[in-house]
Amino acid sequence: MRAPGVSILLFLVASFLGAAGQFLYKAGTDRAVAAGGRLVDFVGNGQILAGVVCYALVMACFVAGFRVGGSPSALYPVYATTFIWAALIGRAMHGVAIAPLHVAGMVLIIAGVSLMGR
């Protein structure tokens, strides 16, 4: 099944936002635990709240992408690129190494996305 380019772009944006949200949750959790780990340390944590905003935007991108056109079977594989974004964000923000095996996995994800979109 094919999907309009705008829908694919919206799902790519959603995948980046999803990866960013995960990193914000992790950073916020680390900060909250360091502050004592009380409920208030989590609830009032700006990084965790920013992660929630990222996930709300993910859902908005999903709705907009489906509104423009495209089926879940064509668009959800695009969201699988979240793993690629997570690796790139991890590299940029935390210096996490990206090994050749990781690159091979990224290539397989992209190949799978393109095959699922046909």
Protein backbone atom coordinates (compact mmCIF):
# COMPACT_ATOMS: atom_id res chain seq x y z
CA MET A 1 0.00 0.00 0.00
CA ARG A 2 1.24 3.43 -0.88
CA ALA A 3 0.94 6.58 1.17
CA PRO A 4 1.07 10.26 0.21
CA GLY A 5 4.44 11.93 0.73
CA VAL A 6 2.96 14.33 3.28
CA SER A 7 1.75 11.39 5.39
CA ILE A 8 5.18 9.77 5.22
CA LEU A 9 6.82 13.05 6.24
CA LEU A 10 4.42 13.43 9.19
CA PHE A 11 5.27 9.92 10.36
CA LEU A 12 9.01 10.64 10.03
CA VAL A 13 8.52 13.74 12.19
CA ALA A 14 6.54 11.61 14.64
CA SER A 15 9.35 9.07 14.78
CA PHE A 16 11.90 11.79 15.61
CA LEU A 17 9.60 13.25 18.26
CA GLY A 18 9.07 9.78 19.74
CA ALA A 19 12.82 9.25 20.05
CA ALA A 20 13.28 12.72 21.53
CA GLY A 21 10.49 12.02 24.03
CA GLN A 22 12.21 8.82 25.15
CA PHE A 23 15.46 10.68 25.79
CA LEU A 24 13.62 13.41 27.66
CA TYR A 25 11.91 10.80 29.85
CA LYS A 26 15.28 9.21 30.61
CA ALA A 27 16.99 12.53 31.39
CA GLY A 28 14.06 13.66 33.52
CA THR A 29 13.98 10.39 35.42
CA ASP A 30 17.72 10.60 36.11
CA ARG A 31 17.29 14.15 37.39
CA ALA A 32 14.28 13.23 39.56
CA VAL A 33 16.09 10.27 41.11
CA ALA A 34 19.13 12.46 41.85
CA ALA A 35 16.81 14.99 43.53
CA GLY A 36 15.46 12.35 45.90
CA GLY A 37 13.07 10.30 43.80
CA ARG A 38 9.90 11.63 45.43
CA LEU A 39 6.69 11.91 43.43
CA VAL A 40 7.02 15.70 43.30
CA ASP A 41 10.49 15.30 41.74
CA PHE A 42 8.90 13.45 38.82
CA VAL A 43 5.62 15.36 38.42
CA GLY A 44 7.19 18.80 38.33
CA ASN A 45 10.12 17.76 36.16
CA GLY A 46 10.43 19.88 33.02
CA GLN A 47 12.19 17.19 31.02
CA ILE A 48 9.50 14.63 31.75
CA LEU A 49 6.82 17.19 30.86
CA ALA A 50 8.66 17.97 27.61
CA GLY A 51 8.65 14.23 26.87
CA VAL A 52 4.89 14.18 27.38
CA VAL A 53 4.57 17.10 24.93
CA CYS A 54 6.67 15.17 22.40
CA TYR A 55 4.33 12.19 22.67
CA ALA A 56 1.27 14.42 22.31
CA LEU A 57 2.83 15.80 19.13
CA VAL A 58 3.48 12.23 17.93
CA MET A 59 -0.24 11.53 18.20
CA ALA A 60 -1.05 14.80 16.40
CA CYS A 61 1.29 13.78 13.57
CA PHE A 62 -0.37 10.35 13.41
CA VAL A 63 -3.85 11.88 13.16
CA ALA A 64 -2.74 14.42 10.55
CA GLY A 65 -0.94 11.72 8.56
CA PHE A 66 -3.98 9.47 8.51
CA ARG A 67 -6.21 12.42 7.63
CA VAL A 68 -4.12 13.18 4.55
CA GLY A 69 -4.21 9.54 3.50
CA GLY A 70 -2.34 6.31 3.87
CA SER A 71 -2.95 3.08 5.68
CA PRO A 72 -1.40 1.91 8.93
CA SER A 73 0.33 -0.93 7.05
CA ALA A 74 2.17 1.66 4.94
CA LEU A 75 2.77 4.31 7.61
CA TYR A 76 3.60 2.42 10.82
CA PRO A 77 6.78 0.91 9.33
CA VAL A 78 7.96 4.51 8.77
CA TYR A 79 7.55 5.05 12.51
CA ALA A 80 10.04 2.20 13.03
CA THR A 81 12.74 4.70 12.10
CA THR A 82 12.44 5.82 15.73
CA PHE A 83 15.26 3.35 16.42
CA ILE A 84 17.50 5.20 13.95
CA TRP A 85 16.66 8.59 15.45
CA ALA A 86 17.34 7.22 18.94
CA ALA A 87 20.80 6.06 17.89
CA LEU A 88 21.58 9.41 16.28
CA ILE A 89 20.30 11.39 19.27
CA GLY A 90 22.26 9.12 21.61
CA ARG A 91 25.39 9.79 19.58
CA ALA A 92 24.85 13.55 19.45
CA MET A 93 23.75 14.07 23.07
CA HIS A 94 25.66 11.39 24.96
CA GLY A 95 28.49 10.28 22.67
CA VAL A 96 27.06 6.76 22.38
CA ALA A 97 29.02 4.80 19.81
CA ILE A 98 27.30 3.59 16.66
CA ALA A 99 28.99 0.33 15.70
CA PRO A 100 29.02 -1.11 12.16
CA LEU A 101 26.48 -3.69 13.32
CA HIS A 102 24.17 -0.84 14.37
CA VAL A 103 24.55 0.75 10.94
CA ALA A 104 23.66 -2.60 9.36
CA GLY A 105 20.54 -2.70 11.52
CA MET A 106 19.61 0.82 10.40
CA VAL A 107 20.00 -0.22 6.77
CA LEU A 108 17.73 -3.20 7.40
CA ILE A 109 15.13 -0.96 9.03
CA ILE A 110 15.16 1.38 6.04
CA ALA A 111 14.95 -1.59 3.65
CA GLY A 112 12.05 -3.01 5.63
CA VAL A 113 10.24 0.32 5.65
CA SER A 114 10.58 0.62 1.88
CA LEU A 115 9.38 -2.95 1.35
CA MET A 116 6.40 -2.54 3.68
CA GLY A 117 5.41 0.66 1.89
CA ARG A 118 5.07 -1.08 -1.47
